[in-house]
C-alpha atoms as a PDB file:
ATOM      1  CA  MET A   1      94.238  73.948 116.036  1.00  0.00           C
ATOM      2  CA  THR A   2      91.516  74.618 113.573  1.00  0.00           C
ATOM      3  CA  GLU A   3      90.725  78.102 115.865  1.00  0.00           C
ATOM      4  CA  GLY A   4      92.760  81.494 115.990  1.00  0.00           C
ATOM      5  CA  TRP A   5      95.144  83.045 112.996  1.00  0.00           C
ATOM      6  CA  ILE A   6      98.274  82.903 111.120  1.00  0.00           C
ATOM      7  CA  ALA A   7     100.627  85.023 110.352  1.00  0.00           C
ATOM      8  CA  LEU A   8     101.715  84.746 106.419  1.00  0.00           C
ATOM      9  CA  HIS A   9     103.403  87.129 104.290  1.00  0.00           C
ATOM     10  CA  ARG A  10     102.029  88.137 100.903  1.00  0.00           C
ATOM     11  CA  LYS A  11     105.597  87.180  98.905  1.00  0.00           C
ATOM     12  CA  ILE A  12     105.626  83.210 100.049  1.00  0.00           C
ATOM     13  CA  TYR A  13     103.632  82.340  96.616  1.00  0.00           C
ATOM     14  CA  THR A  14     107.084  83.853  94.870  1.00  0.00           C
ATOM     15  CA  SER A  15     109.530  82.418  97.124  1.00  0.00           C
ATOM     16  CA  SER A  16     112.749  80.545  96.137  1.00  0.00           C
ATOM     17  CA  ASP A  17     112.222  78.177  99.023  1.00  0.00           C
ATOM     18  CA  PHE A  18     109.466  76.607  97.549  1.00  0.00           C
ATOM     19  CA  LYS A  19     109.640  74.654  93.852  1.00  0.00           C
ATOM     20  CA  ASN A  20     106.140  75.289  92.944  1.00  0.00           C
ATOM     21  CA  GLN A  21     102.850  76.249  94.350  1.00  0.00           C
ATOM     22  CA  LEU A  22     101.822  72.429  95.207  1.00  0.00           C
ATOM     23  CA  GLU A  23     104.815  72.739  98.249  1.00  0.00           C
ATOM     24  CA  VAL A  24     103.454  76.612  99.231  1.00  0.00           C
ATOM     25  CA  SER A  25     100.164  74.720  99.627  1.00  0.00           C
ATOM     26  CA  ILE A  26     101.052  71.985 101.529  1.00  0.00           C
ATOM     27  CA  PHE A  27     103.393  74.427 103.883  1.00  0.00           C
ATOM     28  CA  ILE A  28     100.602  76.560 104.160  1.00  0.00           C
ATOM     29  CA  TYR A  29      98.482  73.558 105.276  1.00  0.00           C
ATOM     30  CA  LEU A  30     100.959  72.545 107.423  1.00  0.00           C
ATOM     31  CA  LEU A  31     101.314  75.691 108.857  1.00  0.00           C
ATOM     32  CA  THR A  32      97.989  76.529 109.690  1.00  0.00           C
ATOM     33  CA  MET A  33      97.384  73.009 111.217  1.00  0.00           C
ATOM     34  CA  ALA A  34     100.792  73.507 113.655  1.00  0.00           C
ATOM     35  CA  SER A  35     100.328  74.223 117.062  1.00  0.00           C
ATOM     36  CA  HIS A  36     100.720  77.119 118.483  1.00  0.00           C
ATOM     37  CA  LYS A  37     101.313  75.444 122.096  1.00  0.00           C
ATOM     38  CA  PRO A  38     102.385  72.326 123.555  1.00  0.00           C
ATOM     39  CA  ILE A  39      98.964  70.247 123.414  1.00  0.00           C
ATOM     40  CA  GLN A  40      98.117  66.538 123.581  1.00  0.00           C
ATOM     41  CA  VAL A  41      96.136  65.113 120.290  1.00  0.00           C
ATOM     42  CA  ILE A  42      95.156  61.419 119.306  1.00  0.00           C
ATOM     43  CA  TYR A  43      95.523  61.111 116.037  1.00  0.00           C
ATOM     44  CA  ARG A  44      94.563  57.808 114.207  1.00  0.00           C
ATOM     45  CA  LYS A  45      94.035  55.897 117.557  1.00  0.00           C
ATOM     46  CA  LYS A  46      97.653  57.415 118.805  1.00  0.00           C
ATOM     47  CA  LYS A  47      98.235  59.573 122.159  1.00  0.00           C
ATOM     48  CA  LEU A  48     100.541  62.299 121.207  1.00  0.00           C
ATOM     49  CA  THR A  49     102.234  65.341 122.490  1.00  0.00           C
ATOM     50  CA  LEU A  50     102.799  68.020 119.989  1.00  0.00           C
ATOM     51  CA  ASN A  51     104.739  70.914 120.530  1.00  0.00           C
ATOM     52  CA  ARG A  52     104.543  74.692 119.272  1.00  0.00           C
ATOM     53  CA  GLY A  53     105.112  74.262 115.676  1.00  0.00           C
ATOM     54  CA  GLU A  54     104.465  70.584 115.305  1.00  0.00           C
ATOM     55  CA  VAL A  55     101.403  68.982 113.341  1.00  0.00           C
ATOM     56  CA  SER A  56     101.186  65.308 113.220  1.00  0.00           C
ATOM     57  CA  ILE A  57      99.775  63.779 109.870  1.00  0.00           C
ATOM     58  CA  ALA A  58     100.102  60.740 107.495  1.00  0.00           C
ATOM     59  CA  TYR A  59     100.861  60.929 103.820  1.00  0.00           C
ATOM     60  CA  ARG A  60      97.766  59.253 102.920  1.00  0.00           C
ATOM     61  CA  ASP A  61      95.930  62.059 104.811  1.00  0.00           C
ATOM     62  CA  LEU A  62      97.671  64.812 103.011  1.00  0.00           C
ATOM     63  CA  ALA A  63      97.581  62.861  99.632  1.00  0.00           C
ATOM     64  CA  LYS A  64      93.445  62.886 100.236  1.00  0.00           C
ATOM     65  CA  LYS A  65      93.436  66.256 101.031  1.00  0.00           C
ATOM     66  CA  PHE A  66      95.208  68.070  98.457  1.00  0.00           C
ATOM     67  CA  ASN A  67      94.097  65.081  95.929  1.00  0.00           C
ATOM     68  CA  ILE A  68      97.350  63.678  94.822  1.00  0.00           C
ATOM     69  CA  SER A  69      99.151  60.642  94.808  1.00  0.00           C
ATOM     70  CA  LYS A  70     101.165  59.616  98.340  1.00  0.00           C
ATOM     71  CA  ASP A  71     104.197  59.314  96.207  1.00  0.00           C
ATOM     72  CA  LYS A  72     103.432  63.258  95.035  1.00  0.00           C
ATOM     73  CA  VAL A  73     103.178  63.592  98.813  1.00  0.00           C
ATOM     74  CA  ARG A  74     106.456  62.266  99.967  1.00  0.00           C
ATOM     75  CA  THR A  75     108.325  64.782  97.137  1.00  0.00           C
ATOM     76  CA  VAL A  76     106.811  67.636  98.420  1.00  0.00           C
ATOM     77  CA  ILE A  77     107.775  66.477 101.711  1.00  0.00           C
ATOM     78  CA  LYS A  78     111.259  65.690 100.647  1.00  0.00           C
ATOM     79  CA  ASN A  79     112.106  69.196  99.668  1.00  0.00           C
ATOM     80  CA  LEU A  80     110.220  70.729 101.997  1.00  0.00           C
ATOM     81  CA  ILE A  81     113.229  69.076 104.178  1.00  0.00           C
ATOM     82  CA  GLN A  82     115.900  69.950 101.444  1.00  0.00           C
ATOM     83  CA  SER A  83     114.710  73.727 101.578  1.00  0.00           C
ATOM     84  CA  ASN A  84     114.726  73.736 105.761  1.00  0.00           C
ATOM     85  CA  ASN A  85     110.990  74.574 105.777  1.00  0.00           C
ATOM     86  CA  ILE A  86     110.037  71.939 107.801  1.00  0.00           C
ATOM     87  CA  ARG A  87     111.745  68.616 110.178  1.00  0.00           C
ATOM     88  CA  GLN A  88     109.931  65.190 110.174  1.00  0.00           C
ATOM     89  CA  THR A  89     110.371  62.769 112.706  1.00  0.00           C
ATOM     90  CA  LEU A  90     108.660  59.620 112.948  1.00  0.00           C
ATOM     91  CA  HIS A  91     106.333  58.984 115.941  1.00  0.00           C
ATOM     92  CA  LYS A  92     104.493  55.407 116.959  1.00  0.00           C
ATOM     93  CA  ARG A  93     105.257  55.171 112.714  1.00  0.00           C
ATOM     94  CA  LEU A  94     103.664  59.062 112.855  1.00  0.00           C
ATOM     95  CA  SER A  95     104.918  61.620 110.956  1.00  0.00           C
ATOM     96  CA  ILE A  96     105.646  64.438 113.380  1.00  0.00           C
ATOM     97  CA  PHE A  97     106.245  67.456 111.449  1.00  0.00           C
ATOM     98  CA  SER A  98     107.863  70.557 113.035  1.00  0.00           C
ATOM     99  CA  ILE A  99     107.766  74.166 111.382  1.00  0.00           C
ATOM    100  CA  VAL A 100     111.354  75.070 111.187  1.00  0.00           C
ATOM    101  CA  LYS A 101     111.023  78.597 112.186  1.00  0.00           C
ATOM    102  CA  TYR A 102     107.723  79.046 113.262  1.00  0.00           C
ATOM    103  CA  SER A 103     107.919  81.233 116.158  1.00  0.00           C
ATOM    104  CA  LYS A 104     110.278  83.747 113.650  1.00  0.00           C
ATOM    105  CA  TYR A 105     107.143  83.554 111.595  1.00  0.00           C
ATOM    106  CA  GLN A 106     104.238  83.387 113.952  1.00  0.00           C
ATOM    107  CA  ASP A 107     105.606  85.690 116.922  1.00  0.00           C
ATOM    108  CA  LEU A 108     104.758  89.658 116.462  1.00  0.00           C
ATOM    109  CA  PRO A 109     107.151  91.775 116.610  1.00  0.00           C
ATOM    110  CA  SER A 110     107.541  93.909 119.840  1.00  0.00           C
ATOM    111  CA  GLU A 111     107.844  97.481 117.995  1.00  0.00           C
ATOM    112  CA  PRO A 112     105.730  98.414 114.776  1.00  0.00           C
ATOM    113  CA  ARG A 113     107.033  97.674 111.676  1.00  0.00           C
ATOM    114  CA  GLN A 114     105.607 100.724 109.657  1.00  0.00           C
ATOM    115  CA  THR A 115     106.940 104.347 110.867  1.00  0.00           C
ATOM    116  CA  ILE A 116     105.428 107.622 109.718  1.00  0.00           C
ATOM    117  CA  PRO A 117     108.301 109.838 109.232  1.00  0.00           C
ATOM    118  CA  HIS A 118     106.712 113.512 109.438  1.00  0.00           C
ATOM    119  CA  ARG A 119     102.883 114.645 107.680  1.00  0.00           C
ATOM    120  CA  THR A 120     102.472 117.526 105.665  1.00  0.00           C
ATOM    121  CA  THR A 121      99.643 119.289 104.296  1.00  0.00           C
ATOM    122  CA  THR A 122     100.273 118.330 100.500  1.00  0.00           C
ATOM    123  CA  ASN A 123     101.299 114.677 101.247  1.00  0.00           C
ATOM    124  CA  THR A 124     101.989 112.176 103.964  1.00  0.00           C
ATOM    125  CA  ASN A 125     104.914 109.349 103.334  1.00  0.00           C
ATOM    126  CA  ILE A 126     105.279 106.202 104.852  1.00  0.00           C
ATOM    127  CA  LEU A 127     108.434 104.268 104.808  1.00  0.00           C
ATOM    128  CA  TYR A 128     108.639 100.417 105.715  1.00  0.00           C
ATOM    129  CA  SER A 129     111.323  98.895 107.190  1.00  0.00           C
ATOM    130  CA  SER A 130     113.257  96.503 105.072  1.00  0.00           C
ATOM    131  CA  LYS A 131     117.077  94.476 104.887  1.00  0.00           C
ATOM    132  CA  ASN A 132     116.574  93.344 101.289  1.00  0.00           C
ATOM    133  CA  ASN A 133     115.505  92.254  98.554  1.00  0.00           C
ATOM    134  CA  ASP A 134     116.090  88.345  98.274  1.00  0.00           C
ATOM    135  CA  ILE A 135     112.848  86.411  98.549  1.00  0.00           C
ATOM    136  CA  SER A 136     113.057  83.855 100.582  1.00  0.00           C
ATOM    137  CA  LEU A 137     110.646  82.180 103.309  1.00  0.00           C
ATOM    138  CA  SER A 138     113.891  83.307 105.649  1.00  0.00           C
ATOM    139  CA  SER A 139     113.639  86.621 104.557  1.00  0.00           C
ATOM    140  CA  MET A 140     110.035  87.847 103.562  1.00  0.00           C
ATOM    141  CA  THR A 141     111.233  91.693 104.275  1.00  0.00           C
ATOM    142  CA  ASN A 142     109.651  94.333 102.056  1.00  0.00           C
ATOM    143  CA  THR A 143     111.856  96.263  99.593  1.00  0.00           C
ATOM    144  CA  PRO A 144     111.766 100.088 100.672  1.00  0.00           C
ATOM    145  CA  LYS A 145     108.877 101.969  99.349  1.00  0.00           C
ATOM    146  CA  LYS A 146     107.782 105.196  99.728  1.00  0.00           C
ATOM    147  CA  ILE A 147     103.956 106.031  99.283  1.00  0.00           C
ATOM    148  CA  THR A 148     102.481 109.541  98.142  1.00  0.00           C
ATOM    149  CA  ILE A 149      98.805 110.130  99.486  1.00  0.00           C
ATOM    150  CA  PRO A 150      96.983 112.933  98.058  1.00  0.00           C
ATOM    151  CA  SER A 151      96.106 116.065 100.493  1.00  0.00           C
ATOM    152  CA  LEU A 152      92.523 116.530 100.901  1.00  0.00           C
ATOM    153  CA  GLN A 153      92.716 119.780  98.420  1.00  0.00           C
ATOM    154  CA  ASP A 154      94.301 117.056  95.795  1.00  0.00           C
ATOM    155  CA  LEU A 155      91.393 114.804  96.081  1.00  0.00           C
ATOM    156  CA  LYS A 156      88.499 117.241  95.496  1.00  0.00           C
ATOM    157  CA  THR A 157      90.117 118.986  92.094  1.00  0.00           C
ATOM    158  CA  LYS A 158      90.329 115.089  91.092  1.00  0.00           C
ATOM    159  CA  ILE A 159      86.726 114.007  92.184  1.00  0.00           C
ATOM    160  CA  ILE A 160      84.650 116.857  91.796  1.00  0.00           C
ATOM    161  CA  GLU A 161      84.536 117.821  87.888  1.00  0.00           C
ATOM    162  CA  LYS A 162      83.949 121.535  86.347  1.00  0.00           C
ATOM    163  CA  PRO A 163      81.166 122.673  85.033  1.00  0.00           C
ATOM    164  CA  LYS A 164      80.785 122.426  81.190  1.00  0.00           C
ATOM    165  CA  GLU A 165      80.454 125.502  79.390  1.00  0.00           C
ATOM    166  CA  LYS A 166      77.726 125.847  77.589  1.00  0.00           C
ATOM    167  CA  ASN A 167      77.506 126.418  74.222  1.00  0.00           C
ATOM    168  CA  GLU A 168      75.397 129.767  72.513  1.00  0.00           C
ATOM    169  CA  TRP A 169      72.188 126.432  72.014  1.00  0.00           C
ATOM    170  CA  GLU A 170      72.117 125.641  75.157  1.00  0.00           C
ATOM    171  CA  ILE A 171      72.397 129.378  76.161  1.00  0.00           C
ATOM    172  CA  MET A 172      69.221 130.274  74.279  1.00  0.00           C
ATOM    173  CA  ARG A 173      67.391 127.285  74.649  1.00  0.00           C
ATOM    174  CA  GLU A 174      67.274 128.646  78.970  1.00  0.00           C
ATOM    175  CA  LYS A 175      66.716 132.577  78.097  1.00  0.00           C
ATOM    176  CA  LEU A 176      63.875 131.943  75.422  1.00  0.00           C
ATOM    177  CA  ASP A 177      60.064 130.111  75.710  1.00  0.00           C
ATOM    178  CA  ALA A 178      59.734 127.088  74.155  1.00  0.00           C
ATOM    179  CA  GLN A 179      57.949 129.238  70.864  1.00  0.00           C
ATOM    180  CA  ASP A 180      60.704 132.055  70.912  1.00  0.00           C
ATOM    181  CA  TYR A 181      63.771 129.021  70.844  1.00  0.00           C
ATOM    182  CA  GLU A 182      61.949 127.299  68.141  1.00  0.00           C
ATOM    183  CA  LYS A 183      61.309 130.994  65.936  1.00  0.00           C
ATOM    184  CA  TRP A 184      65.360 131.095  67.108  1.00  0.00           C
ATOM    185  CA  VAL A 185      66.360 127.654  66.105  1.00  0.00           C
ATOM    186  CA  LEU A 186      64.771 128.050  62.630  1.00  0.00           C
ATOM    187  CA  HIS A 187      66.499 131.734  61.942  1.00  0.00           C
ATOM    188  CA  LYS A 188      69.612 129.792  62.757  1.00  0.00           C
ATOM    189  CA  LEU A 189      69.163 126.885  60.749  1.00  0.00           C
ATOM    190  CA  ASN A 190      68.362 129.051  57.725  1.00  0.00           C
ATOM    191  CA  SER A 191      70.961 131.779  58.318  1.00  0.00           C
END
């Protein structure tokens, strides 16, 4: 359970499913520690079979991990259960937490979510699919966005600065040698 990766939406920290950042952190911890396939584990000298999306951990271990009290862990777990993010079952005096929508969060869609409708020489439009603007774990979707990417010609004009026009002093410095330039400067200053 310490190898591999998880899929996580960036809006999880602003989700209405969580009351505070501690709940988000504990949920993410449980999500990352959850088994991605059925597996047998030994935890606290007890042999357990965990299904996909399940993790077994004691309150005291969570409290130690996050440097908080066991009562605070109980409150956070209670809130996660009430918001229907996790389920808790007791097994041999150990808690097994199930991530309610583990498959929804971790299975990659069969079709890409990003589409590129057309390309032109002036810009590229990228549209992202979206259903609504509600921010919760059960509906982590983007609002429709239209991103314009500048063309190479636009970038060229932005990056390459136009040469600065030279003033009379700079032009004369290039044309004249050092002695003549000095005479010209004295003449200009006296006039």
